Amino acid sequence: MPWVLSSPLDTLSPSQRHCERTAFSFYRAVRERLPVWLLEDMRSMEVLCWNDGRPRAFLPSEALLYALVHDHQDYARDLLGRYSVSAVAAPSCSSCSSCRCGQSAPHLNVAVRYKRVAILRMMLEVLKDCGGARERREYLDGCGGCPHFADAGKSAVQLAVELSHPTCLLHLLLHGARPDALDVALQKLVSCDAAARRDAQRCLDLLLLFLSEPPRLPRLQDEPQRWRSLLGNKVFGWLCGLAPPPLLIQALRCLARSGPDWISSLPDVLQQGVWQ
């Protein structure tokens, strides 16, 4: 699995290798975007996963990860429609029997890394049925699963900012994810090349729209002139606690929380860096 840090093949037992072979066959079938009915037949009757010392059937949440990697939107739609919240549950980790990550599942992170915006939107809609607001928030702000998963330790918001994927970031924020990646956004803005700066700036602007109270960031105080020139006097003053948020930010917050279509329909001049 590309999202899991793999173990050496020579450490696997014959039964484990058989499970790996069936899982790889299923992976190829999803990659080739075979019909949904055929994939579900394979998953429920042919594909095995090694877990807790014995083989078991492949879970819908594991199949959804394959659909995410290969952007099989029809299969993702079927899994989410049929299994709802259980399709985005944290899968068991075959690398350690004690790993069970509760709400911290890797699906959102995988969607962000591969930039699967359509499937990300499907999952976020399904999460509206995820118990109460607290459970939904824990899922949205979870840190990508157990340590054996790639991008573990990062929330989907942090990963979207790190990879400069503003569309993914906007959908996450609109569905209630915490805008807790301001420091990452500032670091990305100063470290990226010119070609990536537009998306990095866009991510920073989106975080500013959804921040109620900016965190205290030592880097702003360490190099005030540098950050003042990058952010502008108004934003810099607000982030340092010296001034209220700029009026344009306050006005655009209402649009940002109304839905992505409102923001994407604005002229470019109103979408990025205009409050400087």
C-alpha atoms as a PDB file:
ATOM      1  CA  MET A   1       0.000   0.000   0.000  1.00  0.00           C
ATOM      2  CA  PRO A   2       1.543   3.353  -0.990  1.00  0.00           C
ATOM      3  CA  TRP A   3       0.267   5.090   2.131  1.00  0.00           C
ATOM      4  CA  VAL A   4       1.828   2.535   4.501  1.00  0.00           C
ATOM      5  CA  LEU A   5       5.497   2.171   5.312  1.00  0.00           C
ATOM      6  CA  SER A   6       6.161  -1.355   4.026  1.00  0.00           C
ATOM      7  CA  SER A   7       7.826  -4.278   5.779  1.00  0.00           C
ATOM      8  CA  PRO A   8      10.494  -6.399   4.034  1.00  0.00           C
ATOM      9  CA  LEU A   9       8.913  -9.200   1.994  1.00  0.00           C
ATOM     10  CA  ASP A  10      11.300 -11.825   3.363  1.00  0.00           C
ATOM     11  CA  THR A  11       9.756 -11.403   6.833  1.00  0.00           C
ATOM     12  CA  LEU A  12       6.298 -12.520   5.654  1.00  0.00           C
ATOM     13  CA  SER A  13       4.890 -16.007   6.170  1.00  0.00           C
ATOM     14  CA  PRO A  14       3.331 -17.931   3.225  1.00  0.00           C
ATOM     15  CA  SER A  15      -0.144 -16.970   4.435  1.00  0.00           C
ATOM     16  CA  GLN A  16       0.831 -13.337   4.658  1.00  0.00           C
ATOM     17  CA  ARG A  17       2.292 -13.457   1.170  1.00  0.00           C
ATOM     18  CA  HIS A  18      -0.959 -14.928  -0.127  1.00  0.00           C
ATOM     19  CA  CYS A  19      -2.832 -12.029   1.443  1.00  0.00           C
ATOM     20  CA  GLU A  20      -0.378  -9.593  -0.140  1.00  0.00           C
ATOM     21  CA  ARG A  21      -0.948 -11.183  -3.559  1.00  0.00           C
ATOM     22  CA  THR A  22      -4.720 -10.950  -3.338  1.00  0.00           C
ATOM     23  CA  ALA A  23      -4.507  -7.357  -2.114  1.00  0.00           C
ATOM     24  CA  PHE A  24      -2.183  -6.456  -4.980  1.00  0.00           C
ATOM     25  CA  SER A  25      -4.540  -8.047  -7.503  1.00  0.00           C
ATOM     26  CA  PHE A  26      -7.344  -5.965  -6.053  1.00  0.00           C
ATOM     27  CA  TYR A  27      -5.129  -2.869  -6.155  1.00  0.00           C
ATOM     28  CA  ARG A  28      -4.533  -3.445  -9.873  1.00  0.00           C
ATOM     29  CA  ALA A  29      -8.242  -3.974 -10.486  1.00  0.00           C
ATOM     30  CA  VAL A  30      -9.067  -0.637  -8.870  1.00  0.00           C
ATOM     31  CA  ARG A  31      -6.230   1.008 -10.782  1.00  0.00           C
ATOM     32  CA  GLU A  32      -7.755  -0.271 -14.029  1.00  0.00           C
ATOM     33  CA  ARG A  33     -11.111   1.105 -12.844  1.00  0.00           C
ATOM     34  CA  LEU A  34     -13.036  -2.101 -13.327  1.00  0.00           C
ATOM     35  CA  PRO A  35     -16.825  -1.929 -12.780  1.00  0.00           C
ATOM     36  CA  VAL A  36     -18.012  -1.307  -9.250  1.00  0.00           C
ATOM     37  CA  TRP A  37     -19.976  -4.557  -8.996  1.00  0.00           C
ATOM     38  CA  LEU A  38     -16.915  -6.593  -9.962  1.00  0.00           C
ATOM     39  CA  LEU A  39     -14.682  -4.788  -7.468  1.00  0.00           C
ATOM     40  CA  GLU A  40     -17.172  -5.391  -4.674  1.00  0.00           C
ATOM     41  CA  ASP A  41     -17.386  -9.074  -5.567  1.00  0.00           C
ATOM     42  CA  MET A  42     -13.591  -9.299  -5.417  1.00  0.00           C
ATOM     43  CA  ARG A  43     -13.405  -7.410  -2.124  1.00  0.00           C
ATOM     44  CA  SER A  44     -16.027  -9.474  -0.356  1.00  0.00           C
ATOM     45  CA  MET A  45     -15.078 -12.930  -1.690  1.00  0.00           C
ATOM     46  CA  GLU A  46     -11.490 -12.999  -2.952  1.00  0.00           C
ATOM     47  CA  VAL A  47      -9.340 -10.329  -1.329  1.00  0.00           C
ATOM     48  CA  LEU A  48      -7.696 -11.031   2.025  1.00  0.00           C
ATOM     49  CA  CYS A  49      -5.827  -8.879   4.499  1.00  0.00           C
ATOM     50  CA  TRP A  50      -3.510 -10.143   7.235  1.00  0.00           C
ATOM     51  CA  ASN A  51      -4.598  -8.895  10.636  1.00  0.00           C
ATOM     52  CA  ASP A  52      -3.907 -10.029  14.203  1.00  0.00           C
ATOM     53  CA  GLY A  53      -2.149 -13.186  13.049  1.00  0.00           C
ATOM     54  CA  ARG A  54      -4.802 -14.412  10.613  1.00  0.00           C
ATOM     55  CA  PRO A  55      -6.364 -13.498   7.258  1.00  0.00           C
ATOM     56  CA  ARG A  56      -9.627 -11.606   7.068  1.00  0.00           C
ATOM     57  CA  ALA A  57     -11.799 -10.024   4.391  1.00  0.00           C
ATOM     58  CA  PHE A  58     -10.850  -6.642   2.984  1.00  0.00           C
ATOM     59  CA  LEU A  59     -12.775  -3.824   4.679  1.00  0.00           C
ATOM     60  CA  PRO A  60     -14.705  -1.081   2.844  1.00  0.00           C
ATOM     61  CA  SER A  61     -12.448   1.516   4.467  1.00  0.00           C
ATOM     62  CA  GLU A  62      -9.401  -0.202   2.977  1.00  0.00           C
ATOM     63  CA  ALA A  63     -11.045  -0.396  -0.442  1.00  0.00           C
ATOM     64  CA  LEU A  64     -11.792   3.322  -0.241  1.00  0.00           C
ATOM     65  CA  LEU A  65      -8.076   4.020   0.148  1.00  0.00           C
ATOM     66  CA  TYR A  66      -7.453   2.200  -3.143  1.00  0.00           C
ATOM     67  CA  ALA A  67     -10.254   4.188  -4.788  1.00  0.00           C
ATOM     68  CA  LEU A  68      -8.642   7.390  -3.530  1.00  0.00           C
ATOM     69  CA  VAL A  69      -5.187   6.563  -4.859  1.00  0.00           C
ATOM     70  CA  HIS A  70      -6.531   5.756  -8.334  1.00  0.00           C
ATOM     71  CA  ASP A  71      -9.333   8.348  -8.368  1.00  0.00           C
ATOM     72  CA  HIS A  72     -12.022   5.707  -8.979  1.00  0.00           C
ATOM     73  CA  GLN A  73     -14.864   8.068  -8.178  1.00  0.00           C
ATOM     74  CA  ASP A  74     -17.674   5.635  -9.002  1.00  0.00           C
ATOM     75  CA  TYR A  75     -16.282   3.043  -6.612  1.00  0.00           C
ATOM     76  CA  ALA A  76     -15.729   5.650  -3.904  1.00  0.00           C
ATOM     77  CA  ARG A  77     -19.294   6.887  -4.340  1.00  0.00           C
ATOM     78  CA  ASP A  78     -20.629   3.328  -4.053  1.00  0.00           C
ATOM     79  CA  LEU A  79     -18.586   2.557  -0.926  1.00  0.00           C
ATOM     80  CA  LEU A  80     -19.604   5.776   0.803  1.00  0.00           C
ATOM     81  CA  GLY A  81     -23.245   5.402  -0.204  1.00  0.00           C
ATOM     82  CA  ARG A  82     -23.423   1.774   0.918  1.00  0.00           C
ATOM     83  CA  TYR A  83     -21.317   1.862   4.080  1.00  0.00           C
ATOM     84  CA  SER A  84     -21.509   5.543   5.052  1.00  0.00           C
ATOM     85  CA  VAL A  85     -19.243   6.469   7.973  1.00  0.00           C
ATOM     86  CA  SER A  86     -17.779   2.970   8.282  1.00  0.00           C
ATOM     87  CA  ALA A  87     -16.167   3.450   4.851  1.00  0.00           C
ATOM     88  CA  VAL A  88     -13.978   6.198   6.315  1.00  0.00           C
ATOM     89  CA  ALA A  89     -13.169   4.396   9.566  1.00  0.00           C
ATOM     90  CA  ALA A  90      -9.543   3.857  10.499  1.00  0.00           C
ATOM     91  CA  PRO A  91      -8.349   0.551   8.993  1.00  0.00           C
ATOM     92  CA  SER A  92      -6.354  -1.853  11.092  1.00  0.00           C
ATOM     93  CA  CYS A  93      -2.616  -1.585  10.660  1.00  0.00           C
ATOM     94  CA  SER A  94      -0.992  -4.861   9.630  1.00  0.00           C
ATOM     95  CA  SER A  95       2.390  -3.564  10.832  1.00  0.00           C
ATOM     96  CA  CYS A  96       1.409  -3.619  14.504  1.00  0.00           C
ATOM     97  CA  SER A  97      -1.392  -5.554  16.129  1.00  0.00           C
ATOM     98  CA  SER A  98      -1.930  -2.949  18.837  1.00  0.00           C
ATOM     99  CA  CYS A  99      -2.515  -0.063  16.412  1.00  0.00           C
ATOM    100  CA  ARG A 100      -6.092   1.077  16.439  1.00  0.00           C
ATOM    101  CA  CYS A 101      -6.395   4.759  15.717  1.00  0.00           C
ATOM    102  CA  GLY A 102     -10.034   5.509  16.477  1.00  0.00           C
ATOM    103  CA  GLN A 103     -11.072   8.649  14.670  1.00  0.00           C
ATOM    104  CA  SER A 104      -7.584   9.366  13.330  1.00  0.00           C
ATOM    105  CA  ALA A 105      -8.020   7.697   9.942  1.00  0.00           C
ATOM    106  CA  PRO A 106      -5.771   8.381   6.941  1.00  0.00           C
ATOM    107  CA  HIS A 107      -8.484   8.906   4.310  1.00  0.00           C
ATOM    108  CA  LEU A 108      -8.554  12.701   4.400  1.00  0.00           C
ATOM    109  CA  ASN A 109      -4.766  12.868   4.229  1.00  0.00           C
ATOM    110  CA  VAL A 110      -4.668  10.474   1.277  1.00  0.00           C
ATOM    111  CA  ALA A 111      -7.309  12.556  -0.518  1.00  0.00           C
ATOM    112  CA  VAL A 112      -5.269  15.707   0.043  1.00  0.00           C
ATOM    113  CA  ARG A 113      -1.930  14.173  -0.955  1.00  0.00           C
ATOM    114  CA  TYR A 114      -3.324  12.827  -4.229  1.00  0.00           C
ATOM    115  CA  LYS A 115      -5.503  15.933  -4.724  1.00  0.00           C
ATOM    116  CA  ARG A 116      -8.722  13.925  -5.057  1.00  0.00           C
ATOM    117  CA  VAL A 117     -11.087  16.850  -4.613  1.00  0.00           C
ATOM    118  CA  ALA A 118     -14.248  15.083  -5.820  1.00  0.00           C
ATOM    119  CA  ILE A 119     -13.830  12.124  -3.450  1.00  0.00           C
ATOM    120  CA  LEU A 120     -12.790  14.451  -0.635  1.00  0.00           C
ATOM    121  CA  ARG A 121     -16.093  16.291  -1.021  1.00  0.00           C
ATOM    122  CA  MET A 122     -17.972  12.970  -0.913  1.00  0.00           C
ATOM    123  CA  MET A 123     -16.233  11.960   2.313  1.00  0.00           C
ATOM    124  CA  LEU A 124     -16.843  15.321   3.950  1.00  0.00           C
ATOM    125  CA  GLU A 125     -20.553  15.039   3.152  1.00  0.00           C
ATOM    126  CA  VAL A 126     -20.662  11.553   4.697  1.00  0.00           C
ATOM    127  CA  LEU A 127     -18.952  12.873   7.833  1.00  0.00           C
ATOM    128  CA  LYS A 128     -22.025  14.989   8.514  1.00  0.00           C
ATOM    129  CA  ASP A 129     -23.557  11.709   9.725  1.00  0.00           C
ATOM    130  CA  CYS A 130     -20.571  10.993  12.006  1.00  0.00           C
ATOM    131  CA  GLY A 131     -22.289  11.133  15.403  1.00  0.00           C
ATOM    132  CA  GLY A 132     -22.061  14.512  17.074  1.00  0.00           C
ATOM    133  CA  ALA A 133     -20.051  17.621  16.347  1.00  0.00           C
ATOM    134  CA  ARG A 134     -17.263  16.479  18.650  1.00  0.00           C
ATOM    135  CA  GLU A 135     -16.729  13.181  16.814  1.00  0.00           C
ATOM    136  CA  ARG A 136     -16.780  14.944  13.456  1.00  0.00           C
ATOM    137  CA  ARG A 137     -14.253  17.528  14.624  1.00  0.00           C
ATOM    138  CA  GLU A 138     -11.952  14.797  15.980  1.00  0.00           C
ATOM    139  CA  TYR A 139     -12.054  13.081  12.604  1.00  0.00           C
ATOM    140  CA  LEU A 140     -11.433  16.291  10.644  1.00  0.00           C
ATOM    141  CA  ASP A 141      -8.519  17.287  12.863  1.00  0.00           C
ATOM    142  CA  GLY A 142      -7.021  13.804  13.277  1.00  0.00           C
ATOM    143  CA  CYS A 143      -3.374  13.330  12.425  1.00  0.00           C
ATOM    144  CA  GLY A 144      -3.392  10.770   9.659  1.00  0.00           C
ATOM    145  CA  GLY A 145      -3.509   7.425  11.429  1.00  0.00           C
ATOM    146  CA  CYS A 146      -0.880   5.352  13.209  1.00  0.00           C
ATOM    147  CA  PRO A 147       2.885   5.940  12.803  1.00  0.00           C
ATOM    148  CA  HIS A 148       3.107   3.347  10.023  1.00  0.00           C
ATOM    149  CA  PHE A 149       1.006   5.502   7.715  1.00  0.00           C
ATOM    150  CA  ALA A 150       2.662   8.084   5.505  1.00  0.00           C
ATOM    151  CA  ASP A 151       1.893  11.658   6.647  1.00  0.00           C
ATOM    152  CA  ALA A 152       1.111  10.433  10.170  1.00  0.00           C
ATOM    153  CA  GLY A 153       1.321  13.258  12.688  1.00  0.00           C
ATOM    154  CA  LYS A 154      -0.172  15.811  10.292  1.00  0.00           C
ATOM    155  CA  SER A 155      -3.766  16.887  10.045  1.00  0.00           C
ATOM    156  CA  ALA A 156      -5.389  17.115   6.614  1.00  0.00           C
ATOM    157  CA  VAL A 157      -5.333  20.913   6.907  1.00  0.00           C
ATOM    158  CA  GLN A 158      -1.622  20.954   7.681  1.00  0.00           C
ATOM    159  CA  LEU A 159      -0.921  18.623   4.762  1.00  0.00           C
ATOM    160  CA  ALA A 160      -3.023  20.712   2.362  1.00  0.00           C
ATOM    161  CA  VAL A 161      -1.025  23.797   3.323  1.00  0.00           C
ATOM    162  CA  GLU A 162       2.292  21.969   3.126  1.00  0.00           C
ATOM    163  CA  LEU A 163       1.468  20.705  -0.388  1.00  0.00           C
ATOM    164  CA  SER A 164      -0.175  23.999  -1.433  1.00  0.00           C
ATOM    165  CA  HIS A 165      -3.542  22.467  -2.347  1.00  0.00           C
ATOM    166  CA  PRO A 166      -5.922  25.392  -1.751  1.00  0.00           C
ATOM    167  CA  THR A 167      -9.047  23.714  -3.129  1.00  0.00           C
ATOM    168  CA  CYS A 168      -8.693  20.793  -0.712  1.00  0.00           C
ATOM    169  CA  LEU A 169      -7.992  23.240   2.091  1.00  0.00           C
ATOM    170  CA  LEU A 170     -11.117  25.282   1.366  1.00  0.00           C
ATOM    171  CA  HIS A 171     -13.392  22.224   1.510  1.00  0.00           C
ATOM    172  CA  LEU A 172     -11.836  21.059   4.774  1.00  0.00           C
ATOM    173  CA  LEU A 173     -12.259  24.470   6.386  1.00  0.00           C
ATOM    174  CA  LEU A 174     -15.834  24.830   5.168  1.00  0.00           C
ATOM    175  CA  HIS A 175     -16.723  21.536   6.853  1.00  0.00           C
ATOM    176  CA  GLY A 176     -15.309  22.611  10.192  1.00  0.00           C
ATOM    177  CA  ALA A 177     -11.655  21.585  10.189  1.00  0.00           C
ATOM    178  CA  ARG A 178      -9.500  23.689  12.491  1.00  0.00           C
ATOM    179  CA  PRO A 179      -7.318  26.276  10.649  1.00  0.00           C
ATOM    180  CA  ASP A 180      -4.266  25.322  12.678  1.00  0.00           C
ATOM    181  CA  ALA A 181      -1.550  25.553  10.028  1.00  0.00           C
ATOM    182  CA  LEU A 182      -0.694  29.254   9.978  1.00  0.00           C
ATOM    183  CA  ASP A 183       2.946  28.701  10.894  1.00  0.00           C
ATOM    184  CA  VAL A 184       3.234  26.058   8.155  1.00  0.00           C
ATOM    185  CA  ALA A 185       1.659  28.477   5.658  1.00  0.00           C
ATOM    186  CA  LEU A 186       4.097  31.250   6.514  1.00  0.00           C
ATOM    187  CA  GLN A 187       7.081  28.911   6.203  1.00  0.00           C
ATOM    188  CA  LYS A 188       5.774  27.604   2.873  1.00  0.00           C
ATOM    189  CA  LEU A 189       5.302  31.123   1.540  1.00  0.00           C
ATOM    190  CA  VAL A 190       8.925  32.074   2.099  1.00  0.00           C
ATOM    191  CA  SER A 191      10.437  28.731   1.028  1.00  0.00           C
ATOM    192  CA  CYS A 192       8.533  27.961  -2.193  1.00  0.00           C
ATOM    193  CA  ASP A 193       9.651  28.990  -5.651  1.00  0.00           C
ATOM    194  CA  ALA A 194       7.874  31.552  -7.788  1.00  0.00           C
ATOM    195  CA  ALA A 195       5.804  28.934  -9.649  1.00  0.00           C
ATOM    196  CA  ALA A 196       4.250  27.641  -6.408  1.00  0.00           C
ATOM    197  CA  ARG A 197       3.809  31.000  -4.708  1.00  0.00           C
ATOM    198  CA  ARG A 198       0.292  31.649  -5.990  1.00  0.00           C
ATOM    199  CA  ASP A 199      -1.115  28.483  -4.388  1.00  0.00           C
ATOM    200  CA  ALA A 200       0.929  29.025  -1.223  1.00  0.00           C
ATOM    201  CA  GLN A 201      -0.465  32.549  -0.931  1.00  0.00           C
ATOM    202  CA  ARG A 202      -3.967  31.222  -1.558  1.00  0.00           C
ATOM    203  CA  CYS A 203      -3.618  28.730   1.299  1.00  0.00           C
ATOM    204  CA  LEU A 204      -2.444  31.471   3.635  1.00  0.00           C
ATOM    205  CA  ASP A 205      -5.353  33.700   2.633  1.00  0.00           C
ATOM    206  CA  LEU A 206      -7.871  30.913   3.288  1.00  0.00           C
ATOM    207  CA  LEU A 207      -6.451  30.265   6.740  1.00  0.00           C
ATOM    208  CA  LEU A 208      -6.714  33.973   7.549  1.00  0.00           C
ATOM    209  CA  LEU A 209     -10.377  33.934   6.529  1.00  0.00           C
ATOM    210  CA  PHE A 210     -11.202  31.145   8.955  1.00  0.00           C
ATOM    211  CA  LEU A 211      -9.042  32.239  11.896  1.00  0.00           C
ATOM    212  CA  SER A 212     -11.011  33.732  14.748  1.00  0.00           C
ATOM    213  CA  GLU A 213      -7.978  34.528  16.876  1.00  0.00           C
ATOM    214  CA  PRO A 214      -4.472  34.265  15.379  1.00  0.00           C
ATOM    215  CA  PRO A 215      -1.925  32.261  17.382  1.00  0.00           C
ATOM    216  CA  ARG A 216       1.165  33.941  18.714  1.00  0.00           C
ATOM    217  CA  LEU A 217       3.977  33.214  16.276  1.00  0.00           C
ATOM    218  CA  PRO A 218       7.546  33.954  17.448  1.00  0.00           C
ATOM    219  CA  ARG A 219       8.818  34.111  13.879  1.00  0.00           C
ATOM    220  CA  LEU A 220       6.851  37.324  13.316  1.00  0.00           C
ATOM    221  CA  GLN A 221       8.565  39.011  16.242  1.00  0.00           C
ATOM    222  CA  ASP A 222      11.999  37.701  15.291  1.00  0.00           C
ATOM    223  CA  GLU A 223      11.930  39.274  11.819  1.00  0.00           C
ATOM    224  CA  PRO A 224       9.263  41.992  11.877  1.00  0.00           C
ATOM    225  CA  GLN A 225      10.478  43.911   8.828  1.00  0.00           C
ATOM    226  CA  ARG A 226      10.585  40.824   6.653  1.00  0.00           C
ATOM    227  CA  TRP A 227       7.092  39.685   7.597  1.00  0.00           C
ATOM    228  CA  ARG A 228       5.623  43.171   7.449  1.00  0.00           C
ATOM    229  CA  SER A 229       6.767  43.473   3.833  1.00  0.00           C
ATOM    230  CA  LEU A 230       5.359  40.025   2.952  1.00  0.00           C
ATOM    231  CA  LEU A 231       2.045  40.279   4.795  1.00  0.00           C
ATOM    232  CA  GLY A 232       1.345  43.987   4.723  1.00  0.00           C
ATOM    233  CA  ASN A 233       0.912  46.320   7.675  1.00  0.00           C
ATOM    234  CA  LYS A 234      -2.707  45.414   8.410  1.00  0.00           C
ATOM    235  CA  VAL A 235      -2.322  41.645   8.455  1.00  0.00           C
ATOM    236  CA  PHE A 236       0.989  41.842  10.273  1.00  0.00           C
ATOM    237  CA  GLY A 237      -0.532  44.067  12.955  1.00  0.00           C
ATOM    238  CA  TRP A 238      -3.486  41.714  13.385  1.00  0.00           C
ATOM    239  CA  LEU A 239      -1.323  38.576  13.633  1.00  0.00           C
ATOM    240  CA  CYS A 240       0.857  40.300  16.224  1.00  0.00           C
ATOM    241  CA  GLY A 241      -2.184  41.304  18.304  1.00  0.00           C
ATOM    242  CA  LEU A 242      -1.687  45.001  17.631  1.00  0.00           C
ATOM    243  CA  ALA A 243      -4.787  45.656  15.524  1.00  0.00           C
ATOM    244  CA  PRO A 244      -8.191  44.150  14.638  1.00  0.00           C
ATOM    245  CA  PRO A 245      -8.490  42.029  11.495  1.00  0.00           C
ATOM    246  CA  PRO A 246      -8.615  44.033   8.257  1.00  0.00           C
ATOM    247  CA  LEU A 247     -12.118  44.988   7.151  1.00  0.00           C
ATOM    248  CA  LEU A 248     -11.810  43.046   3.903  1.00  0.00           C
ATOM    249  CA  ILE A 249     -11.031  39.853   5.795  1.00  0.00           C
ATOM    250  CA  GLN A 250     -14.083  40.382   7.986  1.00  0.00           C
ATOM    251  CA  ALA A 251     -16.279  40.959   4.914  1.00  0.00           C
ATOM    252  CA  LEU A 252     -14.960  37.951   2.988  1.00  0.00           C
ATOM    253  CA  ARG A 253     -15.451  35.609   5.952  1.00  0.00           C
ATOM    254  CA  CYS A 254     -19.194  35.616   5.340  1.00  0.00           C
ATOM    255  CA  LEU A 255     -18.652  34.560   1.727  1.00  0.00           C
ATOM    256  CA  ALA A 256     -16.037  31.971   2.638  1.00  0.00           C
ATOM    257  CA  ARG A 257     -18.399  30.245   5.040  1.00  0.00           C
ATOM    258  CA  SER A 258     -21.258  30.269   2.547  1.00  0.00           C
ATOM    259  CA  GLY A 259     -19.552  27.771   0.261  1.00  0.00           C
ATOM    260  CA  PRO A 260     -16.644  27.286  -2.143  1.00  0.00           C
ATOM    261  CA  ASP A 261     -18.592  28.572  -5.144  1.00  0.00           C
ATOM    262  CA  TRP A 262     -18.790  32.049  -3.670  1.00  0.00           C
ATOM    263  CA  ILE A 263     -15.039  32.281  -3.179  1.00  0.00           C
ATOM    264  CA  SER A 264     -14.092  30.730  -6.519  1.00  0.00           C
ATOM    265  CA  SER A 265     -16.432  33.123  -8.369  1.00  0.00           C
ATOM    266  CA  LEU A 266     -14.706  36.216  -7.000  1.00  0.00           C
ATOM    267  CA  PRO A 267     -12.305  38.118  -9.271  1.00  0.00           C
ATOM    268  CA  ASP A 268      -8.670  37.142  -8.801  1.00  0.00           C
ATOM    269  CA  VAL A 269      -7.899  40.490  -7.224  1.00  0.00           C
ATOM    270  CA  LEU A 270     -10.296  39.657  -4.383  1.00  0.00           C
ATOM    271  CA  GLN A 271      -9.047  36.112  -3.914  1.00  0.00           C
ATOM    272  CA  GLN A 272      -5.462  36.575  -2.875  1.00  0.00           C
ATOM    273  CA  GLY A 273      -3.347  38.955  -0.903  1.00  0.00           C
ATOM    274  CA  VAL A 274      -5.481  42.066  -1.303  1.00  0.00           C
ATOM    275  CA  TRP A 275      -5.590  43.038   2.359  1.00  0.00           C
ATOM    276  CA  GLN A 276      -1.995  44.031   2.529  1.00  0.00           C
END
